[in-house]
Amino acid sequence: MACWVVTVLGWLTLAALAATGFRTDLAGRSSPSATVPEARTLQISGSGTTKTVPCHDGYVPVRGEMNTVTVTGHSTSVSVSGNGDHVAVDSTDAVSTSGNRNVVTYHWGAPKIVNAGTANTVRQG
C-alpha cells in the first residue's frame, strides 16, 4: 500500500511539473548537454546516454536504461526511474528512485530520500 501511495504521489508531482513547463532533452548518446534553467525542469531520457548537466535549483528526472548522468550545482529534486542508471549530483533537496539497480550518489547535504523499487542505491559519496 505504501509503495502505491509513493508511486501515485510521484506521478502527480510529475504531472504538476509538466503543466508548469517541462523541458525535454531527448538527444542521443554523449551529446552536448543542456543546462537546467533556474527553478525549471530538464528531463533526461534514453538508453546508454552519458550527460553532464549544470543545474540551478531545478528538477532533473532521469528515465531509461543504463544512463550515466552527472548533475553539477544544486537541484531541488532528482528522480531516477528505469534500470541500471547511474546518477551523481553535487547537492539536492530530494532524491527519488524507482525501477531496478539504479545508483544515485550525492556529494553534499542531507536530501529527503524515497527509494521505491528493487536493488536501488542512494548514498553520499
N, C-alpha and C. Protein backbone atom coordinates (compact mmCIF):
# COMPACT_ATOMS: atom_id res chain seq x y z
N MET A 1 0.82 -1.19 0.00
CA MET A 1 0.00 0.00 0.00
C MET A 1 0.86 1.25 0.00
N ALA A 2 1.94 1.25 0.82
CA ALA A 2 2.81 2.43 0.89
C ALA A 2 3.49 2.68 -0.45
N CYS A 3 3.91 1.62 -1.15
CA CYS A 3 4.53 1.78 -2.47
C CYS A 3 3.56 2.41 -3.46
N TRP A 4 2.31 2.00 -3.39
CA TRP A 4 1.30 2.55 -4.28
C TRP A 4 1.12 4.04 -4.03
N VAL A 5 1.07 4.44 -2.77
CA VAL A 5 0.91 5.85 -2.41
C VAL A 5 2.10 6.66 -2.92
N VAL A 6 3.32 6.15 -2.73
CA VAL A 6 4.52 6.84 -3.19
C VAL A 6 4.50 6.96 -4.71
N THR A 7 4.11 5.90 -5.40
CA THR A 7 4.04 5.94 -6.86
C THR A 7 3.03 6.96 -7.34
N VAL A 8 1.85 6.97 -6.75
CA VAL A 8 0.82 7.94 -7.15
C VAL A 8 1.29 9.37 -6.89
N LEU A 9 1.89 9.61 -5.72
CA LEU A 9 2.39 10.95 -5.42
C LEU A 9 3.48 11.36 -6.41
N GLY A 10 4.34 10.44 -6.77
CA GLY A 10 5.39 10.74 -7.75
C GLY A 10 4.80 11.13 -9.10
N TRP A 11 3.81 10.37 -9.56
CA TRP A 11 3.19 10.69 -10.84
C TRP A 11 2.43 12.01 -10.79
N LEU A 12 1.78 12.29 -9.68
CA LEU A 12 1.09 13.58 -9.54
C LEU A 12 2.08 14.74 -9.56
N THR A 13 3.24 14.55 -8.91
CA THR A 13 4.26 15.58 -8.92
C THR A 13 4.77 15.82 -10.34
N LEU A 14 5.03 14.74 -11.06
CA LEU A 14 5.48 14.88 -12.45
C LEU A 14 4.43 15.57 -13.32
N ALA A 15 3.16 15.24 -13.11
CA ALA A 15 2.09 15.88 -13.87
C ALA A 15 2.04 17.38 -13.58
N ALA A 16 2.21 17.75 -12.33
CA ALA A 16 2.20 19.17 -11.97
C ALA A 16 3.38 19.89 -12.60
N LEU A 17 4.54 19.26 -12.57
CA LEU A 17 5.70 19.87 -13.21
C LEU A 17 5.52 20.00 -14.71
N ALA A 18 4.92 19.00 -15.31
CA ALA A 18 4.66 19.05 -16.75
C ALA A 18 3.74 20.21 -17.09
N ALA A 19 2.76 20.44 -16.25
CA ALA A 19 1.81 21.52 -16.50
C ALA A 19 2.44 22.90 -16.35
N THR A 20 3.53 22.98 -15.58
CA THR A 20 4.15 24.29 -15.33
C THR A 20 5.38 24.54 -16.19
N GLY A 21 5.68 23.66 -17.11
CA GLY A 21 6.78 23.97 -18.02
C GLY A 21 7.86 22.92 -18.06
N PHE A 22 7.56 21.78 -18.57
CA PHE A 22 8.52 20.69 -18.73
C PHE A 22 9.42 21.00 -19.91
N ARG A 23 10.71 20.85 -19.77
CA ARG A 23 11.62 20.96 -20.89
C ARG A 23 12.28 19.60 -21.06
N THR A 24 12.29 19.07 -22.27
CA THR A 24 12.78 17.72 -22.50
C THR A 24 14.03 17.73 -23.36
N ASP A 25 15.01 16.91 -22.96
CA ASP A 25 16.23 16.73 -23.71
C ASP A 25 16.31 15.27 -24.11
N LEU A 26 16.00 14.95 -25.35
CA LEU A 26 15.96 13.58 -25.80
C LEU A 26 17.12 13.25 -26.73
N ALA A 27 18.16 14.03 -26.70
CA ALA A 27 19.29 13.83 -27.60
C ALA A 27 19.96 12.49 -27.35
N GLY A 28 20.73 12.05 -28.32
CA GLY A 28 21.39 10.75 -28.27
C GLY A 28 22.58 10.70 -27.33
N ARG A 29 23.33 9.65 -27.46
CA ARG A 29 24.46 9.37 -26.58
C ARG A 29 25.53 10.45 -26.64
N SER A 30 26.03 10.79 -25.49
CA SER A 30 27.16 11.69 -25.33
C SER A 30 27.02 12.99 -26.11
N SER A 31 25.81 13.45 -26.30
CA SER A 31 25.59 14.70 -27.00
C SER A 31 25.81 15.86 -26.04
N PRO A 32 26.00 17.08 -26.58
CA PRO A 32 26.16 18.23 -25.69
C PRO A 32 24.96 18.34 -24.76
N SER A 33 25.22 18.67 -23.53
CA SER A 33 24.16 18.74 -22.53
C SER A 33 23.59 20.14 -22.42
N ALA A 34 22.33 20.19 -22.10
CA ALA A 34 21.66 21.45 -21.85
C ALA A 34 21.84 21.81 -20.38
N THR A 35 21.54 23.03 -20.06
CA THR A 35 21.55 23.48 -18.67
C THR A 35 20.12 23.48 -18.17
N VAL A 36 19.94 23.03 -16.93
CA VAL A 36 18.62 23.08 -16.32
C VAL A 36 18.33 24.55 -16.00
N PRO A 37 17.31 25.14 -16.60
CA PRO A 37 17.00 26.53 -16.32
C PRO A 37 16.67 26.72 -14.84
N GLU A 38 16.97 27.88 -14.32
CA GLU A 38 16.74 28.14 -12.90
C GLU A 38 15.30 27.83 -12.53
N ALA A 39 15.15 26.99 -11.50
CA ALA A 39 13.85 26.60 -10.94
C ALA A 39 12.93 25.97 -11.98
N ARG A 40 13.49 25.30 -12.98
CA ARG A 40 12.70 24.63 -14.02
C ARG A 40 13.06 23.15 -14.08
N THR A 41 12.68 22.48 -15.15
CA THR A 41 12.86 21.04 -15.29
C THR A 41 13.60 20.71 -16.58
N LEU A 42 14.52 19.75 -16.48
CA LEU A 42 15.17 19.20 -17.68
C LEU A 42 15.13 17.69 -17.55
N GLN A 43 14.36 17.05 -18.43
CA GLN A 43 14.23 15.59 -18.38
C GLN A 43 15.33 14.97 -19.23
N ILE A 44 15.98 13.95 -18.68
CA ILE A 44 16.99 13.20 -19.41
C ILE A 44 16.42 11.80 -19.61
N SER A 45 16.37 11.35 -20.85
CA SER A 45 15.85 10.01 -21.10
C SER A 45 16.61 9.37 -22.24
N GLY A 46 16.57 8.06 -22.26
CA GLY A 46 17.24 7.34 -23.33
C GLY A 46 17.80 6.03 -22.83
N SER A 47 18.69 5.50 -23.61
CA SER A 47 19.34 4.25 -23.27
C SER A 47 20.83 4.40 -23.57
N GLY A 48 21.64 4.24 -22.53
CA GLY A 48 23.08 4.37 -22.70
C GLY A 48 23.56 5.79 -22.88
N THR A 49 22.79 6.77 -22.47
CA THR A 49 23.14 8.18 -22.61
C THR A 49 24.12 8.59 -21.52
N THR A 50 25.13 9.39 -21.90
CA THR A 50 26.06 9.96 -20.94
C THR A 50 25.96 11.47 -21.04
N LYS A 51 25.65 12.13 -19.92
CA LYS A 51 25.46 13.58 -19.92
C LYS A 51 26.00 14.20 -18.65
N THR A 52 26.46 15.43 -18.77
CA THR A 52 26.76 16.30 -17.62
C THR A 52 25.82 17.48 -17.74
N VAL A 53 25.06 17.73 -16.68
CA VAL A 53 24.02 18.75 -16.72
C VAL A 53 24.25 19.78 -15.61
N PRO A 54 24.58 21.03 -15.96
CA PRO A 54 24.63 22.09 -14.94
C PRO A 54 23.21 22.42 -14.48
N CYS A 55 23.02 22.51 -13.18
CA CYS A 55 21.67 22.75 -12.64
C CYS A 55 21.69 23.95 -11.71
N HIS A 56 20.62 24.73 -11.77
CA HIS A 56 20.46 25.93 -10.95
C HIS A 56 19.12 25.86 -10.23
N ASP A 57 19.05 25.02 -9.20
CA ASP A 57 17.84 24.87 -8.39
C ASP A 57 16.65 24.33 -9.18
N GLY A 58 16.90 23.49 -10.15
CA GLY A 58 15.83 22.90 -10.95
C GLY A 58 15.55 21.46 -10.57
N TYR A 59 14.69 20.83 -11.35
CA TYR A 59 14.29 19.44 -11.15
C TYR A 59 14.83 18.61 -12.31
N VAL A 60 15.48 17.49 -12.01
CA VAL A 60 16.07 16.64 -13.03
C VAL A 60 15.52 15.21 -12.92
N PRO A 61 14.56 14.86 -13.79
CA PRO A 61 14.12 13.47 -13.84
C PRO A 61 14.96 12.71 -14.88
N VAL A 62 15.43 11.52 -14.50
CA VAL A 62 16.21 10.67 -15.40
C VAL A 62 15.40 9.40 -15.62
N ARG A 63 15.19 9.06 -16.90
CA ARG A 63 14.40 7.87 -17.24
C ARG A 63 15.14 7.08 -18.31
N GLY A 64 15.01 5.77 -18.24
CA GLY A 64 15.58 4.93 -19.27
C GLY A 64 16.44 3.83 -18.67
N GLU A 65 17.40 3.38 -19.47
CA GLU A 65 18.25 2.28 -19.05
C GLU A 65 19.71 2.60 -19.30
N MET A 66 20.53 2.26 -18.31
CA MET A 66 21.98 2.35 -18.43
C MET A 66 22.48 3.76 -18.78
N ASN A 67 21.82 4.78 -18.27
CA ASN A 67 22.26 6.16 -18.46
C ASN A 67 23.28 6.52 -17.39
N THR A 68 24.22 7.38 -17.74
CA THR A 68 25.19 7.91 -16.79
C THR A 68 25.04 9.42 -16.82
N VAL A 69 24.59 10.00 -15.71
CA VAL A 69 24.29 11.43 -15.67
C VAL A 69 25.01 12.06 -14.48
N THR A 70 25.67 13.18 -14.73
CA THR A 70 26.30 13.98 -13.69
C THR A 70 25.58 15.31 -13.62
N VAL A 71 25.06 15.65 -12.45
CA VAL A 71 24.35 16.91 -12.26
C VAL A 71 25.24 17.80 -11.40
N THR A 72 25.72 18.89 -11.98
CA THR A 72 26.56 19.82 -11.23
C THR A 72 25.70 20.94 -10.67
N GLY A 73 26.14 21.53 -9.57
CA GLY A 73 25.36 22.58 -8.92
C GLY A 73 24.32 21.97 -8.01
N HIS A 74 23.32 22.77 -7.69
CA HIS A 74 22.26 22.34 -6.77
C HIS A 74 20.96 22.11 -7.53
N SER A 75 20.28 21.02 -7.20
CA SER A 75 18.95 20.77 -7.76
C SER A 75 17.95 20.65 -6.62
N THR A 76 16.72 21.04 -6.89
CA THR A 76 15.70 20.89 -5.86
C THR A 76 15.31 19.42 -5.71
N SER A 77 15.36 18.68 -6.83
CA SER A 77 14.98 17.27 -6.78
C SER A 77 15.57 16.53 -7.98
N VAL A 78 15.95 15.29 -7.72
CA VAL A 78 16.40 14.37 -8.76
C VAL A 78 15.57 13.10 -8.62
N SER A 79 14.97 12.65 -9.72
CA SER A 79 14.26 11.38 -9.69
C SER A 79 14.84 10.48 -10.77
N VAL A 80 14.97 9.22 -10.43
CA VAL A 80 15.54 8.24 -11.35
C VAL A 80 14.57 7.08 -11.46
N SER A 81 14.15 6.80 -12.69
CA SER A 81 13.29 5.64 -12.92
C SER A 81 13.81 4.91 -14.14
N GLY A 82 13.85 3.64 -14.05
CA GLY A 82 14.40 2.85 -15.14
C GLY A 82 15.23 1.71 -14.58
N ASN A 83 16.23 1.32 -15.34
CA ASN A 83 17.06 0.19 -14.94
C ASN A 83 18.53 0.48 -15.19
N GLY A 84 19.33 0.31 -14.16
CA GLY A 84 20.78 0.42 -14.31
C GLY A 84 21.31 1.81 -14.55
N ASP A 85 20.56 2.84 -14.18
CA ASP A 85 21.04 4.22 -14.35
C ASP A 85 22.01 4.57 -13.23
N HIS A 86 23.01 5.40 -13.53
CA HIS A 86 23.96 5.90 -12.55
C HIS A 86 23.92 7.42 -12.60
N VAL A 87 23.56 8.04 -11.47
CA VAL A 87 23.43 9.49 -11.40
C VAL A 87 24.27 10.00 -10.25
N ALA A 88 25.10 11.00 -10.53
CA ALA A 88 25.87 11.69 -9.49
C ALA A 88 25.39 13.13 -9.47
N VAL A 89 25.13 13.65 -8.28
CA VAL A 89 24.62 15.01 -8.14
C VAL A 89 25.42 15.72 -7.05
N ASP A 90 25.80 16.98 -7.32
CA ASP A 90 26.55 17.74 -6.31
C ASP A 90 25.73 17.87 -5.04
N SER A 91 24.55 18.50 -5.13
CA SER A 91 23.67 18.61 -3.97
C SER A 91 22.23 18.69 -4.45
N THR A 92 21.33 18.18 -3.60
CA THR A 92 19.92 18.17 -3.93
C THR A 92 19.11 18.15 -2.64
N ASP A 93 17.88 18.62 -2.72
CA ASP A 93 16.99 18.59 -1.56
C ASP A 93 16.25 17.26 -1.44
N ALA A 94 16.08 16.57 -2.58
CA ALA A 94 15.31 15.32 -2.56
C ALA A 94 15.79 14.39 -3.68
N VAL A 95 15.76 13.09 -3.37
CA VAL A 95 16.09 12.05 -4.36
C VAL A 95 14.98 11.02 -4.30
N SER A 96 14.45 10.64 -5.47
CA SER A 96 13.51 9.53 -5.51
C SER A 96 13.96 8.55 -6.59
N THR A 97 13.81 7.27 -6.28
CA THR A 97 14.18 6.23 -7.24
C THR A 97 13.05 5.24 -7.37
N SER A 98 12.93 4.69 -8.56
CA SER A 98 12.04 3.57 -8.81
C SER A 98 12.71 2.76 -9.91
N GLY A 99 12.22 1.59 -10.17
CA GLY A 99 12.87 0.75 -11.16
C GLY A 99 13.83 -0.21 -10.48
N ASN A 100 14.88 -0.59 -11.20
CA ASN A 100 15.79 -1.62 -10.72
C ASN A 100 17.26 -1.24 -10.92
N ARG A 101 18.06 -1.53 -9.91
CA ARG A 101 19.51 -1.40 -9.96
C ARG A 101 20.00 0.00 -10.35
N ASN A 102 19.30 1.03 -9.93
CA ASN A 102 19.75 2.40 -10.15
C ASN A 102 20.65 2.82 -9.00
N VAL A 103 21.65 3.65 -9.29
CA VAL A 103 22.56 4.14 -8.27
C VAL A 103 22.57 5.66 -8.33
N VAL A 104 22.28 6.30 -7.21
CA VAL A 104 22.33 7.76 -7.11
C VAL A 104 23.33 8.11 -6.01
N THR A 105 24.30 8.95 -6.36
CA THR A 105 25.29 9.41 -5.40
C THR A 105 25.19 10.93 -5.30
N TYR A 106 25.02 11.43 -4.09
CA TYR A 106 25.02 12.88 -3.88
C TYR A 106 26.27 13.23 -3.07
N HIS A 107 26.83 14.40 -3.36
CA HIS A 107 28.10 14.77 -2.73
C HIS A 107 27.93 15.54 -1.44
N TRP A 108 26.93 16.43 -1.36
CA TRP A 108 26.74 17.27 -0.17
C TRP A 108 25.28 17.28 0.23
N GLY A 109 25.07 17.58 1.51
CA GLY A 109 23.72 17.77 2.01
C GLY A 109 23.12 16.52 2.61
N ALA A 110 21.85 16.63 2.93
CA ALA A 110 21.09 15.54 3.52
C ALA A 110 19.71 15.52 2.86
N PRO A 111 19.62 15.06 1.62
CA PRO A 111 18.34 15.10 0.91
C PRO A 111 17.31 14.13 1.49
N LYS A 112 16.05 14.47 1.28
CA LYS A 112 14.96 13.55 1.61
C LYS A 112 15.00 12.46 0.54
N ILE A 113 14.98 11.20 0.96
CA ILE A 113 15.14 10.09 0.02
C ILE A 113 13.90 9.22 0.03
N VAL A 114 13.36 8.96 -1.17
CA VAL A 114 12.29 8.00 -1.36
C VAL A 114 12.84 6.95 -2.31
N ASN A 115 13.02 5.74 -1.81
CA ASN A 115 13.65 4.68 -2.57
C ASN A 115 12.65 3.54 -2.76
N ALA A 116 11.92 3.59 -3.87
CA ALA A 116 10.95 2.55 -4.19
C ALA A 116 11.46 1.80 -5.42
N GLY A 117 11.45 0.55 -5.37
CA GLY A 117 11.94 -0.26 -6.49
C GLY A 117 12.75 -1.42 -5.96
N THR A 118 13.57 -2.00 -6.81
CA THR A 118 14.33 -3.18 -6.44
C THR A 118 15.82 -2.92 -6.61
N ALA A 119 16.59 -3.14 -5.56
CA ALA A 119 18.05 -3.05 -5.59
C ALA A 119 18.57 -1.68 -6.02
N ASN A 120 17.84 -0.61 -5.69
CA ASN A 120 18.32 0.74 -5.95
C ASN A 120 19.20 1.19 -4.78
N THR A 121 20.20 2.03 -5.07
CA THR A 121 21.11 2.52 -4.04
C THR A 121 21.15 4.03 -4.10
N VAL A 122 20.96 4.67 -2.95
CA VAL A 122 21.12 6.12 -2.83
C VAL A 122 22.09 6.33 -1.68
N ARG A 123 23.20 7.04 -1.95
CA ARG A 123 24.22 7.21 -0.92
C ARG A 123 24.98 8.51 -1.13
N GLN A 124 25.63 8.93 -0.03
CA GLN A 124 26.51 10.08 -0.13
C GLN A 124 27.89 9.57 -0.50
N GLY A 125 28.56 10.30 -1.36
CA GLY A 125 29.90 9.86 -1.76
C GLY A 125 30.68 10.93 -2.45
